[in-house]
C-alpha atoms as a PDB file:
ATOM      1  CA  UNK A   1     -19.686   2.174  10.476  1.00  0.00           C
ATOM      2  CA  UNK A   2     -16.281   0.959   9.280  1.00  0.00           C
ATOM      3  CA  UNK A   3     -15.907   3.888   6.897  1.00  0.00           C
ATOM      4  CA  UNK A   4     -17.267   6.645   9.136  1.00  0.00           C
ATOM      5  CA  UNK A   5     -15.749   5.780  12.536  1.00  0.00           C
ATOM      6  CA  UNK A   6     -12.655   3.744  11.680  1.00  0.00           C
ATOM      7  CA  UNK A   7     -12.061   5.600   8.426  1.00  0.00           C
ATOM      8  CA  UNK A   8     -11.233   2.544   6.286  1.00  0.00           C
ATOM      9  CA  UNK A   9     -11.847   3.141   2.596  1.00  0.00           C
ATOM     10  CA  UNK A  10     -10.952   0.695  -0.172  1.00  0.00           C
ATOM     11  CA  UNK A  11      -9.617   2.163  -3.418  1.00  0.00           C
ATOM     12  CA  UNK A  12      -8.964  -0.770  -5.812  1.00  0.00           C
ATOM     13  CA  UNK A  13      -5.664  -2.083  -4.377  1.00  0.00           C
ATOM     14  CA  UNK A  14      -5.092   0.485  -1.611  1.00  0.00           C
ATOM     15  CA  UNK A  15      -6.645   0.932   1.803  1.00  0.00           C
ATOM     16  CA  UNK A  16      -6.948   4.506   3.033  1.00  0.00           C
ATOM     17  CA  UNK A  17      -7.233   5.071   6.793  1.00  0.00           C
ATOM     18  CA  UNK A  18      -8.697   8.342   8.114  1.00  0.00           C
ATOM     19  CA  UNK A  19     -10.451   7.636  11.434  1.00  0.00           C
ATOM     20  CA  UNK A  20     -12.893   9.900  13.216  1.00  0.00           C
ATOM     21  CA  UNK A  21     -12.334   8.676  16.762  1.00  0.00           C
ATOM     22  CA  UNK A  22     -14.193   9.468  19.979  1.00  0.00           C
ATOM     23  CA  UNK A  23     -11.993  11.610  22.259  1.00  0.00           C
ATOM     24  CA  UNK A  24     -11.300   8.770  24.708  1.00  0.00           C
ATOM     25  CA  UNK A  25     -10.006   6.323  22.060  1.00  0.00           C
ATOM     26  CA  UNK A  26      -6.227   6.125  21.883  1.00  0.00           C
ATOM     27  CA  UNK A  27      -6.001   3.068  19.609  1.00  0.00           C
ATOM     28  CA  UNK A  28      -7.884   0.310  17.855  1.00  0.00           C
ATOM     29  CA  UNK A  29      -7.102  -2.911  16.049  1.00  0.00           C
ATOM     30  CA  UNK A  30      -8.898  -4.286  13.021  1.00  0.00           C
ATOM     31  CA  UNK A  31      -8.355  -7.514  11.100  1.00  0.00           C
ATOM     32  CA  UNK A  32      -9.052  -6.708   7.461  1.00  0.00           C
ATOM     33  CA  UNK A  33      -9.450  -9.415   4.825  1.00  0.00           C
ATOM     34  CA  UNK A  34      -8.600  -8.564   1.225  1.00  0.00           C
ATOM     35  CA  UNK A  35      -9.541 -11.574  -0.890  1.00  0.00           C
ATOM     36  CA  UNK A  36      -7.385 -14.413   0.556  1.00  0.00           C
ATOM     37  CA  UNK A  37      -5.037 -12.155   2.537  1.00  0.00           C
ATOM     38  CA  UNK A  38      -5.425 -10.865   6.112  1.00  0.00           C
ATOM     39  CA  UNK A  39      -4.069  -7.538   7.332  1.00  0.00           C
ATOM     40  CA  UNK A  40      -3.756  -7.027  11.108  1.00  0.00           C
ATOM     41  CA  UNK A  41      -4.035  -3.247  11.430  1.00  0.00           C
ATOM     42  CA  UNK A  42      -3.228  -1.386  14.646  1.00  0.00           C
ATOM     43  CA  UNK A  43      -4.021   2.338  14.691  1.00  0.00           C
ATOM     44  CA  UNK A  44      -2.434   4.438  17.462  1.00  0.00           C
ATOM     45  CA  UNK A  45      -3.023   8.084  18.235  1.00  0.00           C
ATOM     46  CA  UNK A  46       0.368   9.146  19.618  1.00  0.00           C
ATOM     47  CA  UNK A  47       1.462  12.443  21.050  1.00  0.00           C
ATOM     48  CA  UNK A  48       4.623  13.537  19.294  1.00  0.00           C
ATOM     49  CA  UNK A  49       3.636  11.956  15.984  1.00  0.00           C
ATOM     50  CA  UNK A  50       3.769  14.197  12.963  1.00  0.00           C
ATOM     51  CA  UNK A  51       0.878  13.525  10.588  1.00  0.00           C
ATOM     52  CA  UNK A  52       0.081   9.941   9.601  1.00  0.00           C
ATOM     53  CA  UNK A  53       2.675   7.192   9.299  1.00  0.00           C
ATOM     54  CA  UNK A  54       1.884   3.753   7.863  1.00  0.00           C
ATOM     55  CA  UNK A  55       4.244   0.807   8.404  1.00  0.00           C
ATOM     56  CA  UNK A  56       3.518  -2.505   6.624  1.00  0.00           C
ATOM     57  CA  UNK A  57       5.506  -5.546   7.718  1.00  0.00           C
ATOM     58  CA  UNK A  58       8.152  -3.274   9.232  1.00  0.00           C
ATOM     59  CA  UNK A  59       8.533  -1.061   6.151  1.00  0.00           C
ATOM     60  CA  UNK A  60       7.407   2.563   6.345  1.00  0.00           C
ATOM     61  CA  UNK A  61       5.261   3.458   3.354  1.00  0.00           C
ATOM     62  CA  UNK A  62       5.915   6.584   1.313  1.00  0.00           C
ATOM     63  CA  UNK A  63       2.210   7.455   1.224  1.00  0.00           C
ATOM     64  CA  UNK A  64      -0.205   7.089   4.171  1.00  0.00           C
ATOM     65  CA  UNK A  65      -2.079   4.158   2.590  1.00  0.00           C
ATOM     66  CA  UNK A  66      -1.870   0.379   2.880  1.00  0.00           C
ATOM     67  CA  UNK A  67      -1.000  -1.274  -0.443  1.00  0.00           C
ATOM     68  CA  UNK A  68      -3.074  -4.441  -0.742  1.00  0.00           C
ATOM     69  CA  UNK A  69      -1.883  -7.709  -2.257  1.00  0.00           C
ATOM     70  CA  UNK A  70      -3.624 -11.050  -2.602  1.00  0.00           C
ATOM     71  CA  UNK A  71      -0.666 -13.227  -1.589  1.00  0.00           C
ATOM     72  CA  UNK A  72      -2.514 -15.418   0.954  1.00  0.00           C
ATOM     73  CA  UNK A  73      -0.187 -14.302   3.756  1.00  0.00           C
ATOM     74  CA  UNK A  74      -0.850 -12.398   6.952  1.00  0.00           C
ATOM     75  CA  UNK A  75       0.493  -8.849   7.148  1.00  0.00           C
ATOM     76  CA  UNK A  76       1.038  -6.530  10.091  1.00  0.00           C
ATOM     77  CA  UNK A  77       0.197  -2.855   9.685  1.00  0.00           C
ATOM     78  CA  UNK A  78       0.917  -0.084  12.173  1.00  0.00           C
ATOM     79  CA  UNK A  79      -0.665   3.315  11.658  1.00  0.00           C
ATOM     80  CA  UNK A  80       0.530   6.216  13.799  1.00  0.00           C
ATOM     81  CA  UNK A  81      -1.652   9.305  13.919  1.00  0.00           C
ATOM     82  CA  UNK A  82      -0.953  12.698  15.390  1.00  0.00           C
ATOM     83  CA  UNK A  83      -3.690  13.716  17.848  1.00  0.00           C
ATOM     84  CA  UNK A  84      -3.356  17.335  16.702  1.00  0.00           C
ATOM     85  CA  UNK A  85      -5.815  18.009  13.923  1.00  0.00           C
ATOM     86  CA  UNK A  86      -7.236  14.486  14.046  1.00  0.00           C
ATOM     87  CA  UNK A  87     -10.931  14.593  13.189  1.00  0.00           C
ATOM     88  CA  UNK A  88     -13.016  13.700  16.224  1.00  0.00           C
ATOM     89  CA  UNK A  89     -16.567  12.468  16.425  1.00  0.00           C
ATOM     90  CA  UNK A  90     -19.008  14.954  17.854  1.00  0.00           C
ATOM     91  CA  UNK A  91     -21.178  13.364  20.572  1.00  0.00           C
END
């Protein structure tokens, strides 16, 4: 469920996010634990966004992935998705 609907996929020390949202979902929040570290991830589907933007602790990432660390701190992640071309679940 987490992989198919929310699109969260772990790749060693990176978290890829490629959601397949129902048409009426504009956003979701997930609290993801990586070892002893918690990531508070907010995904927003925003009109006017261009592609996928990932911001971790206020710093925009070069690639649209969340780099994971085991530093025992809490991190805030904002993911902005363009609604155009976003995969949608077929009901």
